[in-house]
Amino acid sequence: MCSQRFRMLTGYEFSPEDAKVRTLRGLVGRKFYSGVFLISVSVDSVMNAEEILGKILSARPEVTRQQILERLEGEKKKTGGLISDETLLRMVAAELGCVISADKISMPLLLLGDLLPGLGNVTVVGRVVAVFASRTFNGNRKGKFASVLLADRSGLLRVVLWNDKADLTESGVVRVGQIVRFMHGYTREDLGGNVELHTGENCKAEVDPHDVDANNYPTIRTFNTRIQELAGVRKSARVNIAGIVRYPSSVSTFERHDSSTGKVMRFVLADDSDEIQVVVWNEKVDELELILKESNSLQIVSARLKKGVERGLEVHVDAGTYIEPLASEEIFSEIASLKEEMSRVNVRGEVASKPETRNVKTTAGEAVELALFELRDNTGTIWVTAWRQHAATAKLLTVGKRIALKNAYVKRGFGQQLEISTRNLTLIELE
């Protein structure tokens, strides 16, 4: 592991049997970090110490020559003079957030998943997948803070923006979807044991940097959990889910222990695997009340998974949760173009036969209602099987009525003929 990280930083290799490397193994255990990567050293060096020193000063003009030399002397005492000045200066450069190769100096690539608590002078790059509103605090010092959630291929990281850095989100300079580089931050551990990046006075942010390929940074959907899979997630964990809103309730109020008034609202969120009860609290109720409608699609980021009061699981939306409405993707297919196993199909047409209803038993032994009818457009006709609650909607349809069937799927039915079948998320809408 050490040799791999070393090669990433310097391009050099070392022998595991080298006496100097064996000495360094003990030093690595004492937390030699660049603010980003764990640093090893090179046994051989191409540039001399003065050249390396010059490159550090060129890359970090805010650091003086004397400060670098003092750091060098400190490292020489720690290593007992067994390691060359050139190698130690590379380590000093790494601690300052730089990597020196034989011909250039560059910033190392940091994956968010590599971070540990207690690092200083950290630079990270990621896609903003959530923005959390700023809050004020009082006490010995007054101020404010906001936070964003960054993503790269290794995971998610919360970045806490203190005081004037909170203006980045308040002004809209930093928004969801952008690629942002945060420079000169420091890491801490939150109450849940997760690593966070904090921005001090020296921290800078660069939005959509020209030298970063946005295609390398995933969206939040990469980190979503299907609702059916939430049963295997640790309770009280923060989860990311997306789905369609079902059965939104009205807002209720309650009295807290301090006699203040709180708010709560519930709805069901359904994806193609299952559905789950969502409980929204306090200020998030105000945020959602205006946009929460039946059949809306939502992305929920960092909600708390809890055991339900009566049974099952619930997802709780609180101040640490981000919610984003998702645009509906309504591309309608012609009946003649439908093929077996097509999923999330949208079809428009007119009812071509009177719906017939019957009660049937599923393979699991469950008794459910089923409605069957034909749907026709200008390319062809196909049978529709509407299950459970959709059967109640379908049996009210009349021949000639135009409908839109959304988020259904195509399968082989009776006589191996293609048919459209409803699922939990399917919508049958009159046009």
Protein backbone atom coordinates (compact mmCIF):
# COMPACT_ATOMS: atom_id res chain seq x y z
CA MET A 1 0.00 0.00 0.00
CA CYS A 2 2.76 2.39 0.94
CA SER A 3 4.68 1.75 -2.27
CA GLN A 4 1.54 2.20 -4.39
CA ARG A 5 0.74 5.58 -2.85
CA PHE A 6 4.38 6.57 -3.15
CA ARG A 7 4.40 5.81 -6.86
CA MET A 8 1.24 7.92 -7.29
CA LEU A 9 2.93 10.85 -5.61
CA THR A 10 6.41 10.74 -7.07
CA GLY A 11 6.65 8.25 -9.91
CA TYR A 12 9.52 6.49 -8.12
CA GLU A 13 9.73 2.97 -6.68
CA PHE A 14 11.59 1.66 -3.67
CA SER A 15 12.75 -1.74 -2.49
CA PRO A 16 10.98 -3.10 0.60
CA GLU A 17 14.36 -4.21 1.84
CA ASP A 18 15.94 -0.76 1.80
CA ALA A 19 17.06 0.19 5.32
CA LYS A 20 15.82 3.74 4.91
CA VAL A 21 12.39 2.51 3.90
CA ARG A 22 12.24 0.22 6.90
CA THR A 23 12.97 3.22 9.10
CA LEU A 24 10.21 5.19 7.39
CA ARG A 25 7.58 2.55 8.08
CA GLY A 26 7.60 3.64 11.68
CA LEU A 27 7.31 7.28 10.64
CA VAL A 28 4.34 6.57 8.41
CA GLY A 29 2.56 5.11 11.41
CA ARG A 30 3.01 8.49 13.11
CA LYS A 31 0.77 10.20 10.56
CA PHE A 32 2.84 11.69 7.75
CA TYR A 33 0.10 13.19 5.59
CA SER A 34 0.04 15.65 2.75
CA GLY A 35 -3.35 16.85 3.82
CA VAL A 36 -4.56 14.45 1.21
CA PHE A 37 -2.44 11.32 0.78
CA LEU A 38 -0.31 9.25 3.09
CA ILE A 39 3.27 10.04 2.12
CA SER A 40 6.19 7.69 1.63
CA VAL A 41 9.60 8.77 0.38
CA SER A 42 11.96 8.08 -2.46
CA VAL A 43 15.37 6.56 -1.89
CA ASP A 44 16.84 8.04 -5.05
CA SER A 45 16.27 11.60 -6.18
CA VAL A 46 16.79 13.28 -9.53
CA MET A 47 16.61 16.94 -8.45
CA ASN A 48 18.91 18.36 -5.82
CA ALA A 49 17.60 19.96 -2.63
CA GLU A 50 17.90 23.53 -3.90
CA GLU A 51 15.85 22.75 -6.99
CA ILE A 52 13.13 21.10 -4.92
CA LEU A 53 13.13 24.05 -2.54
CA GLY A 54 12.73 26.44 -5.47
CA LYS A 55 9.76 24.49 -6.83
CA ILE A 56 8.04 24.56 -3.44
CA LEU A 57 8.51 28.32 -3.14
CA SER A 58 7.21 28.79 -6.69
CA ALA A 59 4.08 26.74 -6.01
CA ARG A 60 3.45 28.09 -2.52
CA PRO A 61 4.59 31.75 -2.49
CA GLU A 62 2.88 32.33 0.87
CA VAL A 63 5.42 30.02 2.52
CA THR A 64 8.86 31.49 3.22
CA ARG A 65 12.20 29.82 2.55
CA GLN A 66 12.98 29.95 6.28
CA GLN A 67 9.76 28.12 7.16
CA ILE A 68 10.59 25.31 4.74
CA LEU A 69 14.13 24.99 6.08
CA GLU A 70 12.81 24.82 9.65
CA ARG A 71 10.46 22.02 8.63
CA LEU A 72 13.37 20.25 6.93
CA GLU A 73 15.46 20.42 10.09
CA GLY A 74 12.56 19.04 12.11
CA GLU A 75 12.18 16.05 9.79
CA LYS A 76 15.96 15.40 9.84
CA LYS A 77 15.86 15.14 13.64
CA LYS A 78 12.92 12.72 13.48
CA THR A 79 14.65 10.42 10.99
CA GLY A 80 18.08 10.53 12.62
CA GLY A 81 19.81 11.69 9.45
CA LEU A 82 19.11 8.43 7.62
CA ILE A 83 17.11 10.11 4.85
CA SER A 84 18.45 12.59 2.31
CA ASP A 85 17.48 16.27 2.28
CA GLU A 86 15.96 15.78 -1.20
CA THR A 87 13.64 13.05 0.04
CA LEU A 88 12.67 14.99 3.17
CA LEU A 89 11.93 18.09 1.08
CA ARG A 90 9.56 16.01 -1.03
CA MET A 91 7.80 15.04 2.16
CA VAL A 92 7.61 18.68 3.25
CA ALA A 93 6.19 19.55 -0.19
CA ALA A 94 3.57 16.82 0.21
CA GLU A 95 2.60 18.17 3.63
CA LEU A 96 2.07 21.54 1.94
CA GLY A 97 -0.32 19.92 -0.54
CA CYS A 98 2.11 19.54 -3.44
CA VAL A 99 3.83 16.68 -5.23
CA ILE A 100 7.18 17.19 -6.91
CA SER A 101 8.08 15.11 -9.92
CA ALA A 102 11.36 15.34 -11.80
CA ASP A 103 10.18 18.16 -14.01
CA LYS A 104 7.08 19.75 -12.50
CA ILE A 105 5.09 20.32 -9.34
CA SER A 106 1.40 19.47 -9.15
CA MET A 107 -1.45 19.00 -6.75
CA PRO A 108 -2.23 15.33 -6.00
CA LEU A 109 -5.60 13.83 -6.86
CA LEU A 110 -7.56 13.21 -3.69
CA LEU A 111 -10.45 10.79 -3.47
CA LEU A 112 -13.01 11.74 -0.84
CA GLY A 113 -12.93 8.22 0.53
CA ASP A 114 -9.20 8.58 1.35
CA LEU A 115 -9.76 11.34 3.90
CA LEU A 116 -9.11 10.85 7.60
CA PRO A 117 -9.93 13.17 10.52
CA GLY A 118 -7.25 15.61 11.68
CA LEU A 119 -5.76 16.55 8.31
CA GLY A 120 -4.79 20.12 7.43
CA ASN A 121 -4.33 21.97 4.15
CA VAL A 122 -6.66 19.57 2.30
CA THR A 123 -7.75 20.02 -1.31
CA VAL A 124 -10.73 18.08 -2.65
CA VAL A 125 -12.75 18.02 -5.87
CA GLY A 126 -16.29 16.72 -6.23
CA ARG A 127 -19.75 17.22 -7.67
CA VAL A 128 -22.17 19.11 -5.43
CA VAL A 129 -25.13 16.78 -4.89
CA ALA A 130 -26.84 18.63 -2.03
CA VAL A 131 -26.84 22.14 -0.56
CA PHE A 132 -28.00 22.79 3.01
CA ALA A 133 -29.29 26.19 4.11
CA SER A 134 -27.10 28.41 6.26
CA ARG A 135 -27.68 28.75 9.99
CA THR A 136 -26.56 31.33 12.52
CA PHE A 137 -25.04 30.68 15.94
CA ASN A 138 -24.51 32.82 19.04
CA GLY A 139 -22.32 32.58 22.09
CA ASN A 140 -18.84 33.86 22.73
CA ARG A 141 -18.60 34.31 19.00
CA LYS A 142 -21.40 34.96 16.54
CA GLY A 143 -21.43 33.64 13.02
CA LYS A 144 -23.09 31.38 10.50
CA PHE A 145 -22.42 28.19 8.60
CA ALA A 146 -23.80 26.26 5.66
CA SER A 147 -22.81 22.95 4.14
CA VAL A 148 -22.76 21.06 0.87
CA LEU A 149 -22.43 17.39 0.01
CA LEU A 150 -19.72 16.47 -2.50
CA ALA A 151 -19.49 13.23 -4.49
CA ASP A 152 -16.75 11.47 -6.36
CA ARG A 153 -16.39 7.84 -7.38
CA SER A 154 -15.23 6.88 -3.88
CA GLY A 155 -18.16 8.28 -1.91
CA LEU A 156 -19.76 11.36 -0.34
CA LEU A 157 -18.27 14.10 1.84
CA ARG A 158 -19.94 16.91 3.75
CA VAL A 159 -18.15 20.25 3.44
CA VAL A 160 -18.94 22.77 6.19
CA LEU A 161 -18.74 26.42 5.08
CA TRP A 162 -18.08 28.82 7.96
CA ASN A 163 -19.06 32.51 8.09
CA ASP A 164 -18.19 34.33 4.84
CA LYS A 165 -17.75 30.97 3.05
CA ALA A 166 -21.46 30.33 3.66
CA ASP A 167 -22.08 33.17 1.19
CA LEU A 168 -21.07 30.75 -1.57
CA THR A 169 -24.35 28.89 -1.21
CA GLU A 170 -26.51 31.85 -0.15
CA SER A 171 -25.53 33.78 -3.29
CA GLY A 172 -25.95 30.77 -5.54
CA VAL A 173 -22.29 30.70 -6.58
CA VAL A 174 -22.14 27.06 -5.47
CA ARG A 175 -25.14 25.03 -6.63
CA VAL A 176 -26.21 21.42 -6.99
CA GLY A 177 -24.71 19.81 -10.07
CA GLN A 178 -21.53 21.88 -10.21
CA ILE A 179 -18.00 20.55 -9.88
CA VAL A 180 -16.19 22.42 -7.09
CA ARG A 181 -12.60 22.33 -5.88
CA PHE A 182 -12.16 23.30 -2.22
CA MET A 183 -8.57 24.20 -1.32
CA HIS A 184 -6.80 24.58 2.05
CA GLY A 185 -9.51 23.02 4.20
CA TYR A 186 -9.13 20.78 7.24
CA THR A 187 -10.87 17.57 8.28
CA ARG A 188 -12.77 16.70 11.43
CA GLU A 189 -14.96 13.84 12.62
CA ASP A 190 -18.66 14.53 13.11
CA LEU A 191 -20.78 13.12 15.93
CA GLY A 192 -21.59 10.07 13.85
CA GLY A 193 -17.93 9.25 13.23
CA ASN A 194 -17.94 10.50 9.63
CA VAL A 195 -15.18 12.66 8.16
CA GLU A 196 -16.10 16.23 7.23
CA LEU A 197 -14.12 18.95 5.48
CA HIS A 198 -14.23 22.37 7.17
CA THR A 199 -13.38 25.66 5.52
CA GLY A 200 -11.26 28.13 7.46
CA GLU A 201 -10.24 31.67 6.56
CA ASN A 202 -7.64 30.47 4.06
CA CYS A 203 -9.95 28.07 2.26
CA LYS A 204 -10.77 28.87 -1.36
CA ALA A 205 -13.38 27.44 -3.72
CA GLU A 206 -13.09 27.05 -7.48
CA VAL A 207 -16.33 26.34 -9.36
CA ASP A 208 -16.23 24.13 -12.48
CA PRO A 209 -12.41 24.14 -12.73
CA HIS A 210 -11.21 23.96 -16.34
CA ASP A 211 -8.74 21.15 -15.63
CA VAL A 212 -11.37 18.74 -14.21
CA ASP A 213 -13.47 16.37 -16.33
CA ALA A 214 -17.03 16.55 -14.98
CA ASN A 215 -17.79 13.11 -16.45
CA ASN A 216 -15.56 11.57 -13.77
CA TYR A 217 -17.89 12.75 -10.99
CA PRO A 218 -21.19 10.90 -10.42
CA THR A 219 -24.57 12.33 -9.51
CA ILE A 220 -26.39 11.45 -6.29
CA ARG A 221 -28.30 8.68 -8.09
CA THR A 222 -25.15 6.57 -7.95
CA PHE A 223 -25.49 6.52 -4.16
CA ASN A 224 -29.24 5.87 -3.97
CA THR A 225 -30.59 2.80 -2.19
CA ARG A 226 -33.62 1.02 -3.63
CA ILE A 227 -36.47 1.06 -1.14
CA GLN A 228 -36.65 -2.73 -1.07
CA GLU A 229 -32.99 -2.83 0.05
CA LEU A 230 -33.45 -0.47 3.01
CA ALA A 231 -34.25 -3.46 5.25
CA GLY A 232 -30.57 -4.38 5.11
CA VAL A 233 -29.37 -0.90 6.11
CA ARG A 234 -28.38 -0.09 9.68
CA LYS A 235 -31.13 1.72 11.58
CA SER A 236 -30.50 5.44 12.17
CA ALA A 237 -28.20 5.53 9.14
CA ARG A 238 -28.49 8.37 6.65
CA VAL A 239 -29.85 7.13 3.31
CA ASN A 240 -30.47 8.49 -0.19
CA ILE A 241 -33.63 7.43 -2.03
CA ALA A 242 -35.70 8.57 -5.00
CA GLY A 243 -39.24 7.82 -6.04
CA ILE A 244 -42.76 8.99 -6.69
CA VAL A 245 -44.94 10.67 -4.05
CA ARG A 246 -48.05 8.82 -2.92
CA TYR A 247 -50.78 9.85 -0.47
CA PRO A 248 -49.39 13.15 0.87
CA SER A 249 -51.06 14.08 4.16
CA SER A 250 -51.98 17.48 5.51
CA VAL A 251 -49.65 19.23 7.94
CA SER A 252 -50.09 18.53 11.66
CA THR A 253 -48.74 20.57 14.56
CA PHE A 254 -47.59 19.44 17.99
CA GLU A 255 -46.30 21.03 21.16
CA ARG A 256 -42.68 20.46 22.12
CA HIS A 257 -41.34 20.08 25.68
CA ASP A 258 -40.36 23.77 25.67
CA SER A 259 -43.94 24.74 24.70
CA SER A 260 -42.91 25.75 21.19
CA THR A 261 -44.86 24.41 18.21
CA GLY A 262 -43.51 21.85 15.78
CA LYS A 263 -44.81 20.58 12.46
CA VAL A 264 -44.99 17.13 10.90
CA MET A 265 -46.19 15.79 7.56
CA ARG A 266 -46.25 12.30 6.07
CA PHE A 267 -46.34 10.77 2.62
CA VAL A 268 -45.39 7.52 0.91
CA LEU A 269 -42.44 7.38 -1.50
CA ALA A 270 -42.48 4.54 -4.03
CA ASP A 271 -39.87 3.29 -6.47
CA ASP A 272 -39.96 0.27 -8.78
CA SER A 273 -39.02 -2.08 -5.92
CA ASP A 274 -41.27 -1.05 -3.00
CA GLU A 275 -42.64 1.91 -1.05
CA ILE A 276 -41.88 3.47 2.33
CA GLN A 277 -43.44 5.96 4.73
CA VAL A 278 -41.65 9.33 4.82
CA VAL A 279 -41.99 11.61 7.86
CA VAL A 280 -41.11 15.29 7.41
CA TRP A 281 -40.31 17.52 10.40
CA ASN A 282 -40.51 21.23 11.22
CA GLU A 283 -38.74 23.60 8.79
CA LYS A 284 -38.63 20.90 6.13
CA VAL A 285 -42.44 20.85 6.21
CA ASP A 286 -42.45 24.52 5.16
CA GLU A 287 -39.97 23.71 2.39
CA LEU A 288 -41.97 20.78 1.01
CA GLU A 289 -45.53 21.95 1.56
CA LEU A 290 -45.63 24.01 -1.63
CA ILE A 291 -44.07 21.42 -3.94
CA LEU A 292 -45.33 18.11 -2.54
CA LYS A 293 -48.04 16.74 -4.80
CA GLU A 294 -49.32 13.29 -5.67
CA SER A 295 -47.19 11.65 -8.41
CA ASN A 296 -44.33 14.15 -8.11
CA SER A 297 -40.86 12.61 -8.30
CA LEU A 298 -38.44 13.43 -5.48
CA GLN A 299 -34.77 12.84 -4.70
CA ILE A 300 -34.19 12.63 -0.95
CA VAL A 301 -30.59 12.96 0.26
CA SER A 302 -29.32 12.12 3.75
CA ALA A 303 -32.60 11.19 5.43
CA ARG A 304 -32.64 9.18 8.63
CA LEU A 305 -33.81 5.55 8.49
CA LYS A 306 -35.87 4.55 11.54
CA LYS A 307 -38.14 1.79 12.73
CA GLY A 308 -41.79 2.67 12.23
CA VAL A 309 -44.07 3.38 15.17
CA GLU A 310 -46.44 0.57 14.20
CA ARG A 311 -44.43 -1.64 11.85
CA GLY A 312 -41.81 -1.60 9.13
CA LEU A 313 -39.38 1.21 8.41
CA GLU A 314 -39.74 4.94 7.98
CA VAL A 315 -37.52 7.58 6.43
CA HIS A 316 -37.33 10.80 8.46
CA VAL A 317 -36.61 14.14 6.80
CA ASP A 318 -34.99 16.67 9.13
CA ALA A 319 -32.71 19.71 8.99
CA GLY A 320 -29.86 17.49 7.77
CA THR A 321 -31.81 16.29 4.74
CA TYR A 322 -31.82 17.72 1.20
CA ILE A 323 -34.83 17.25 -1.08
CA GLU A 324 -34.90 17.96 -4.80
CA PRO A 325 -37.90 17.64 -7.14
CA LEU A 326 -37.06 15.51 -10.18
CA ALA A 327 -38.24 16.28 -13.67
CA SER A 328 -40.60 13.67 -15.01
CA GLU A 329 -39.33 11.84 -18.05
CA GLU A 330 -42.50 11.29 -20.07
CA ILE A 331 -41.53 9.80 -23.41
CA PHE A 332 -44.48 7.93 -24.90
CA SER A 333 -44.05 4.79 -26.98
CA GLU A 334 -46.23 3.56 -29.84
CA ILE A 335 -47.95 0.25 -29.20
CA ALA A 336 -46.37 -1.31 -32.30
CA SER A 337 -42.90 -0.57 -30.91
CA LEU A 338 -43.42 -2.37 -27.59
CA LYS A 339 -41.23 -5.40 -26.85
CA GLU A 340 -41.15 -8.00 -24.08
CA GLU A 341 -39.46 -6.94 -20.82
CA MET A 342 -39.60 -3.23 -21.65
CA SER A 343 -39.78 -1.40 -18.30
CA ARG A 344 -41.15 2.01 -17.28
CA VAL A 345 -43.21 2.30 -20.45
CA ASN A 346 -45.53 5.25 -21.16
CA VAL A 347 -48.32 4.70 -23.70
CA ARG A 348 -51.23 6.85 -24.91
CA GLY A 349 -54.37 5.54 -26.57
CA GLU A 350 -58.11 4.93 -26.33
CA VAL A 351 -59.87 2.16 -24.47
CA ALA A 352 -60.87 -0.40 -27.13
CA SER A 353 -62.86 -2.85 -25.00
CA LYS A 354 -64.94 -2.72 -21.86
CA PRO A 355 -62.77 -3.51 -18.83
CA GLU A 356 -63.46 -6.89 -17.21
CA THR A 357 -62.64 -7.42 -13.55
CA ARG A 358 -61.99 -10.58 -11.59
CA ASN A 359 -60.44 -11.70 -8.34
CA VAL A 360 -57.32 -13.83 -8.70
CA LYS A 361 -54.67 -15.36 -6.48
CA THR A 362 -51.02 -14.50 -6.96
CA THR A 363 -48.24 -17.10 -6.79
CA ALA A 364 -47.74 -15.96 -3.18
CA GLY A 365 -51.35 -16.89 -2.40
CA GLU A 366 -52.55 -13.28 -2.14
CA ALA A 367 -56.09 -12.55 -3.35
CA VAL A 368 -56.12 -9.41 -5.52
CA GLU A 369 -58.39 -7.66 -7.99
CA LEU A 370 -57.46 -7.66 -11.68
CA ALA A 371 -58.95 -5.65 -14.56
CA LEU A 372 -58.33 -6.39 -18.25
CA PHE A 373 -59.02 -4.18 -21.26
CA GLU A 374 -57.63 -3.40 -24.69
CA LEU A 375 -55.78 -0.18 -25.49
CA ARG A 376 -55.48 1.10 -29.06
CA ASP A 377 -53.41 3.79 -30.79
CA ASN A 378 -52.83 4.45 -34.51
CA THR A 379 -50.16 1.71 -34.68
CA GLY A 380 -51.91 -1.22 -33.03
CA THR A 381 -53.83 -2.73 -30.10
CA ILE A 382 -52.58 -4.39 -26.90
CA TRP A 383 -54.13 -5.92 -23.78
CA VAL A 384 -53.67 -4.12 -20.46
CA THR A 385 -53.73 -5.96 -17.10
CA ALA A 386 -54.37 -3.58 -14.21
CA TRP A 387 -53.67 -4.96 -10.74
CA ARG A 388 -54.82 -4.10 -7.23
CA GLN A 389 -55.61 -0.37 -6.83
CA HIS A 390 -55.23 0.13 -10.59
CA ALA A 391 -58.03 -2.36 -11.19
CA ALA A 392 -60.40 -0.07 -9.29
CA THR A 393 -59.42 2.79 -11.62
CA ALA A 394 -59.59 0.69 -14.79
CA LYS A 395 -63.07 -0.72 -14.20
CA LEU A 396 -64.48 2.82 -14.37
CA LEU A 397 -63.12 3.35 -17.90
CA THR A 398 -65.46 3.31 -20.89
CA VAL A 399 -64.80 2.36 -24.50
CA GLY A 400 -63.45 5.29 -26.51
CA LYS A 401 -62.04 7.07 -23.45
CA ARG A 402 -58.50 8.38 -24.08
CA ILE A 403 -55.98 7.60 -21.35
CA ALA A 404 -52.27 7.86 -20.63
CA LEU A 405 -50.69 4.80 -19.06
CA LYS A 406 -47.41 5.75 -17.34
CA ASN A 407 -44.62 3.69 -15.82
CA ALA A 408 -45.96 0.27 -16.76
CA TYR A 409 -44.05 -2.71 -18.15
CA VAL A 410 -44.44 -5.16 -21.05
CA LYS A 411 -44.59 -8.96 -20.66
CA ARG A 412 -45.98 -12.09 -22.27
CA GLY A 413 -49.51 -12.89 -21.14
CA PHE A 414 -52.22 -15.36 -22.10
CA GLY A 415 -51.37 -17.22 -25.30
CA GLN A 416 -47.87 -15.70 -25.20
CA GLN A 417 -49.28 -12.42 -26.49
CA LEU A 418 -47.64 -9.15 -25.45
CA GLU A 419 -49.51 -7.19 -22.80
CA ILE A 420 -48.95 -4.07 -20.71
CA SER A 421 -49.07 -4.71 -16.97
CA THR A 422 -49.30 -2.21 -14.14
CA ARG A 423 -47.00 -2.04 -11.14
CA ASN A 424 -47.15 -0.13 -7.89
CA LEU A 425 -45.81 3.07 -9.51
CA THR A 426 -48.05 2.96 -12.59
CA LEU A 427 -50.43 5.84 -13.27
CA ILE A 428 -53.65 5.66 -15.30
CA GLU A 429 -54.64 9.19 -16.28
CA LEU A 430 -57.62 10.44 -18.28
CA GLU A 431 -56.83 12.76 -21.17
